Amino acid sequence: MLKVLIRRKFKPGKEQEVRVLLNQMRSDAMNVEGYISAETYFGHDDPNQMLVISTWQTFENWRSWKESEIRTINATTMMEMYQDGPTTYEEYVLPKIKR
């Protein structure tokens, strides 16, 4: 299992546009092999900061989605026009325990 932390900061006043894009991206991701779930959080002290915690069955499933044409169009073209800085990604795997 893989957890991906995606961090973005948006320009003030773009909340509605961002939420529409987030809903579209989540809807698209739900149809991708290996997608399990995602949660979206906005900063308590800075509501323009956003954290998405996305869960995938495998790293390959995530990589396939991350590099897909539909995600690239939504994430890079659309989201970035509302962003104030780059997107950062952190990927974490659940270690297999040997018995």
Protein backbone atom coordinates (compact mmCIF):
# COMPACT_ATOMS: atom_id res chain seq x y z
CA MET A 1 0.00 0.00 0.00
CA LEU A 2 1.16 3.53 -0.79
CA LYS A 3 0.22 6.89 0.71
CA VAL A 4 0.97 10.03 -1.27
CA LEU A 5 1.01 13.46 0.37
CA ILE A 6 0.37 16.23 -2.14
CA ARG A 7 0.88 19.80 -0.96
CA ARG A 8 -0.25 22.92 -2.78
CA LYS A 9 -0.64 26.58 -1.90
CA PHE A 10 -3.20 28.63 -3.80
CA LYS A 11 -3.63 32.29 -4.53
CA PRO A 12 -6.21 33.95 -2.27
CA GLY A 13 -9.75 34.13 -3.65
CA LYS A 14 -9.52 30.98 -5.80
CA GLU A 15 -11.22 28.55 -3.41
CA GLN A 16 -14.24 27.82 -5.61
CA GLU A 17 -12.18 27.18 -8.75
CA VAL A 18 -9.82 24.91 -6.82
CA ARG A 19 -12.64 22.88 -5.25
CA VAL A 20 -14.23 22.29 -8.68
CA LEU A 21 -10.91 21.03 -10.06
CA LEU A 22 -10.28 18.86 -6.99
CA ASN A 23 -13.68 17.22 -7.37
CA GLN A 24 -13.00 16.54 -11.04
CA MET A 25 -9.56 15.07 -10.33
CA ARG A 26 -10.94 12.85 -7.56
CA SER A 27 -13.75 11.66 -9.83
CA ASP A 28 -11.20 10.82 -12.54
CA ALA A 29 -8.89 9.04 -10.08
CA MET A 30 -11.72 6.84 -8.80
CA ASN A 31 -11.75 5.13 -12.20
CA VAL A 32 -8.03 4.33 -12.14
CA GLU A 33 -6.75 0.86 -11.27
CA GLY A 34 -5.30 0.74 -7.77
CA TYR A 35 -6.95 3.89 -6.40
CA ILE A 36 -8.24 3.35 -2.88
CA SER A 37 -9.13 6.74 -1.41
CA ALA A 38 -8.12 10.35 -0.87
CA GLU A 39 -8.68 12.98 1.77
CA THR A 40 -8.30 16.72 1.29
CA TYR A 41 -7.39 19.13 4.07
CA PHE A 42 -7.03 22.90 4.10
CA GLY A 43 -4.71 24.72 6.48
CA HIS A 44 -6.18 25.78 9.79
CA ASP A 45 -4.12 28.98 9.93
CA ASP A 46 -3.86 29.41 6.17
CA PRO A 47 -6.87 28.13 4.19
CA ASN A 48 -4.91 28.65 0.96
CA GLN A 49 -2.67 25.70 1.88
CA MET A 50 -3.95 22.29 0.89
CA LEU A 51 -2.89 18.75 1.69
CA VAL A 52 -4.24 15.71 -0.17
CA ILE A 53 -3.53 12.28 1.28
CA SER A 54 -4.07 9.75 -1.47
CA THR A 55 -4.00 5.96 -0.97
CA TRP A 56 -3.03 3.50 -3.70
CA GLN A 57 -2.60 -0.26 -3.90
CA THR A 58 0.85 0.00 -5.48
CA PHE A 59 3.47 2.54 -6.41
CA GLU A 60 2.98 1.58 -10.06
CA ASN A 61 -0.75 2.40 -9.85
CA TRP A 62 0.07 5.85 -8.45
CA ARG A 63 2.82 6.49 -11.01
CA SER A 64 0.49 5.54 -13.85
CA TRP A 65 -2.13 8.03 -12.58
CA LYS A 66 0.43 10.74 -11.86
CA GLU A 67 1.78 10.54 -15.40
CA SER A 68 -1.60 10.10 -17.12
CA GLU A 69 -2.70 12.61 -19.72
CA ILE A 70 -5.99 13.47 -18.00
CA ARG A 71 -4.26 14.19 -14.66
CA THR A 72 -1.50 16.17 -16.32
CA ILE A 73 -4.05 18.39 -18.06
CA ASN A 74 -6.01 19.01 -14.83
CA ALA A 75 -3.08 19.21 -12.42
CA THR A 76 -0.47 21.03 -14.40
CA THR A 77 -2.50 23.16 -16.71
CA MET A 78 -5.52 24.01 -14.61
CA MET A 79 -4.41 23.76 -10.96
CA GLU A 80 -1.11 25.53 -11.47
CA MET A 81 -2.79 28.64 -12.79
CA TYR A 82 -4.37 29.04 -9.33
CA GLN A 83 -1.29 28.03 -7.36
CA ASP A 84 1.16 30.17 -5.47
CA GLY A 85 4.26 27.97 -5.79
CA PRO A 86 5.00 24.43 -6.92
CA THR A 87 3.22 21.21 -5.97
CA THR A 88 5.22 18.89 -3.73
CA TYR A 89 4.81 15.12 -3.48
CA GLU A 90 5.84 12.73 -0.72
CA GLU A 91 5.38 8.99 -1.22
CA TYR A 92 5.24 6.51 1.69
CA VAL A 93 4.94 2.72 1.55
CA LEU A 94 3.63 0.40 4.19
CA PRO A 95 6.57 -1.89 4.98
CA LYS A 96 6.13 -5.62 4.73
CA ILE A 97 6.79 -7.30 8.04
CA LYS A 98 8.83 -10.49 7.86
CA ARG A 99 7.81 -13.23 10.25
